[in-house]
Each structure stands twice: as structure tokens, then as C-alpha cells.
């Protein structure tokens, strides 16, 4: 997944990110900002700087060097993070908590 270098995209998380995590797929991402932080924090892929072909090539090579078990771990990490932090169930629960606090 790639987003061009733009200040707006540094605070954007493409919906494909959550979809790949929910599908249990390792992610190769060439972006800056929040989306890159999410993939790093979740341990579900390899990230490179946006608009930097050499950094992307290095990230591709790094992902190719990961073992089959490493790819499986990335996939599992993404799926687990999705279910704990990004799923519809979690979103609804968090909105409910906010509404309860606001009503007090």
C-alpha cells in the first residue's frame, strides 16, 4: 500500500489497512504518519518512507527475508490487533462508553 507524501495522509489510515489486518495478511506499506505507526505498533508488516523508491525496495527485500513463520506471526498480529482495537464491536463499545460519560 502506498500513499504519496502529503501532510493530510500523515493523519490518515486507509481503510485497506484495517481490511488487510482483518483478513490476516502481512502488510507492506509505504506511508508516513499514523498508518505507518499502526502497522509498526501492531507488528503486522513492514513500513517504508513514502515517495522513496529505495526505501520501498529495501522494505520489499526485508519482507522477502522474513521467514514463513515470521509472515504467519505478522498476519496473526494484525488479526489480533484488529479484533482488539479496530473491529466494529470495539468501535460500538467505545461509542457507548463515550455516550454514557456525556449523559452524566
Protein backbone atom coordinates (compact mmCIF):
# COMPACT_ATOMS: atom_id res chain seq x y z
CA UNK A 1 0.00 0.00 0.00
CA UNK A 2 1.40 3.42 -0.92
CA UNK A 3 0.28 6.98 -0.26
CA UNK A 4 2.08 9.98 -1.68
CA UNK A 5 3.92 12.26 0.72
CA UNK A 6 1.28 14.75 1.87
CA UNK A 7 0.59 16.22 5.33
CA UNK A 8 -3.03 15.09 5.12
CA UNK A 9 -2.00 11.48 4.55
CA UNK A 10 0.17 11.53 7.67
CA UNK A 11 -3.03 11.67 9.75
CA UNK A 12 -4.98 9.23 7.56
CA UNK A 13 -5.30 5.48 7.93
CA UNK A 14 -6.51 3.95 4.67
CA UNK A 15 -9.42 1.54 5.12
CA UNK A 16 -7.36 -1.07 3.26
CA UNK A 17 -5.11 -1.21 6.32
CA UNK A 18 -7.90 -2.50 8.55
CA UNK A 19 -9.14 -4.80 5.77
CA UNK A 20 -5.71 -6.43 5.38
CA UNK A 21 -5.40 -6.78 9.15
CA UNK A 22 -8.88 -8.33 9.42
CA UNK A 23 -8.00 -10.72 6.60
CA UNK A 24 -4.83 -11.79 8.40
CA UNK A 25 -2.44 -10.57 5.72
CA UNK A 26 1.07 -9.16 6.34
CA UNK A 27 1.25 -5.55 5.17
CA UNK A 28 3.88 -3.81 3.06
CA UNK A 29 3.23 -0.10 3.48
CA UNK A 30 4.98 2.95 2.02
CA UNK A 31 3.40 5.76 4.01
CA UNK A 32 4.29 8.24 6.72
CA UNK A 33 2.43 9.05 9.91
CA UNK A 34 -0.46 7.33 11.65
CA UNK A 35 -0.88 4.43 9.24
CA UNK A 36 2.80 3.54 9.47
CA UNK A 37 2.66 3.80 13.26
CA UNK A 38 -0.35 1.48 13.32
CA UNK A 39 1.42 -1.22 11.29
CA UNK A 40 4.57 -0.90 13.41
CA UNK A 41 2.66 -0.94 16.71
CA UNK A 42 0.63 -3.96 15.64
CA UNK A 43 3.73 -5.78 14.36
CA UNK A 44 1.81 -6.80 11.27
CA UNK A 45 4.08 -5.75 8.43
CA UNK A 46 6.98 -3.76 7.05
CA UNK A 47 6.87 0.01 6.58
CA UNK A 48 8.93 2.33 4.42
CA UNK A 49 9.00 6.06 3.84
CA UNK A 50 6.52 7.42 1.32
CA UNK A 51 7.80 8.62 -2.08
CA UNK A 52 11.18 6.98 -1.55
CA UNK A 53 11.77 4.23 -4.12
CA UNK A 54 14.97 2.99 -2.46
CA UNK A 55 13.26 2.75 0.94
CA UNK A 56 10.41 0.80 -0.67
CA UNK A 57 12.86 -1.55 -2.39
CA UNK A 58 14.61 -2.11 0.95
CA UNK A 59 11.26 -2.81 2.63
CA UNK A 60 10.37 -5.34 -0.08
CA UNK A 61 13.70 -7.08 0.44
CA UNK A 62 13.18 -7.03 4.21
CA UNK A 63 9.74 -8.61 3.82
CA UNK A 64 11.19 -11.23 1.48
CA UNK A 65 13.81 -12.08 4.13
CA UNK A 66 11.14 -12.78 6.74
CA UNK A 67 10.59 -16.49 7.33
CA UNK A 68 7.31 -18.24 6.66
CA UNK A 69 6.77 -18.29 10.43
CA UNK A 70 7.52 -14.56 10.53
CA UNK A 71 4.87 -13.88 7.88
CA UNK A 72 2.44 -16.02 9.85
CA UNK A 73 3.23 -14.05 13.03
CA UNK A 74 2.68 -10.73 11.22
CA UNK A 75 -0.66 -12.00 9.91
CA UNK A 76 -1.72 -13.20 13.36
CA UNK A 77 -0.56 -9.94 14.99
CA UNK A 78 -2.62 -7.90 12.54
CA UNK A 79 -5.71 -10.03 13.04
CA UNK A 80 -5.40 -9.90 16.82
CA UNK A 81 -4.85 -6.12 16.80
CA UNK A 82 -7.85 -5.68 14.52
CA UNK A 83 -10.14 -7.65 16.84
CA UNK A 84 -8.87 -5.88 19.97
CA UNK A 85 -8.71 -2.30 18.67
CA UNK A 86 -10.43 -1.77 15.30
CA UNK A 87 -13.40 -4.12 14.94
CA UNK A 88 -16.99 -2.97 14.71
CA UNK A 89 -17.72 -4.49 18.12
CA UNK A 90 -14.92 -2.49 19.74
CA UNK A 91 -15.99 0.70 17.96
CA UNK A 92 -19.59 0.33 19.13
CA UNK A 93 -18.45 -0.35 22.70
CA UNK A 94 -16.24 2.75 22.69
CA UNK A 95 -19.01 4.96 21.32
CA UNK A 96 -21.32 3.57 24.01
CA UNK A 97 -18.79 4.44 26.71
CA UNK A 98 -18.45 7.99 25.36
CA UNK A 99 -22.22 8.48 25.26
CA UNK A 100 -22.56 7.19 28.83
CA UNK A 101 -19.93 9.69 30.03
CA UNK A 102 -21.61 12.53 28.14
CA UNK A 103 -25.00 11.74 29.65
CA UNK A 104 -23.75 12.05 33.24
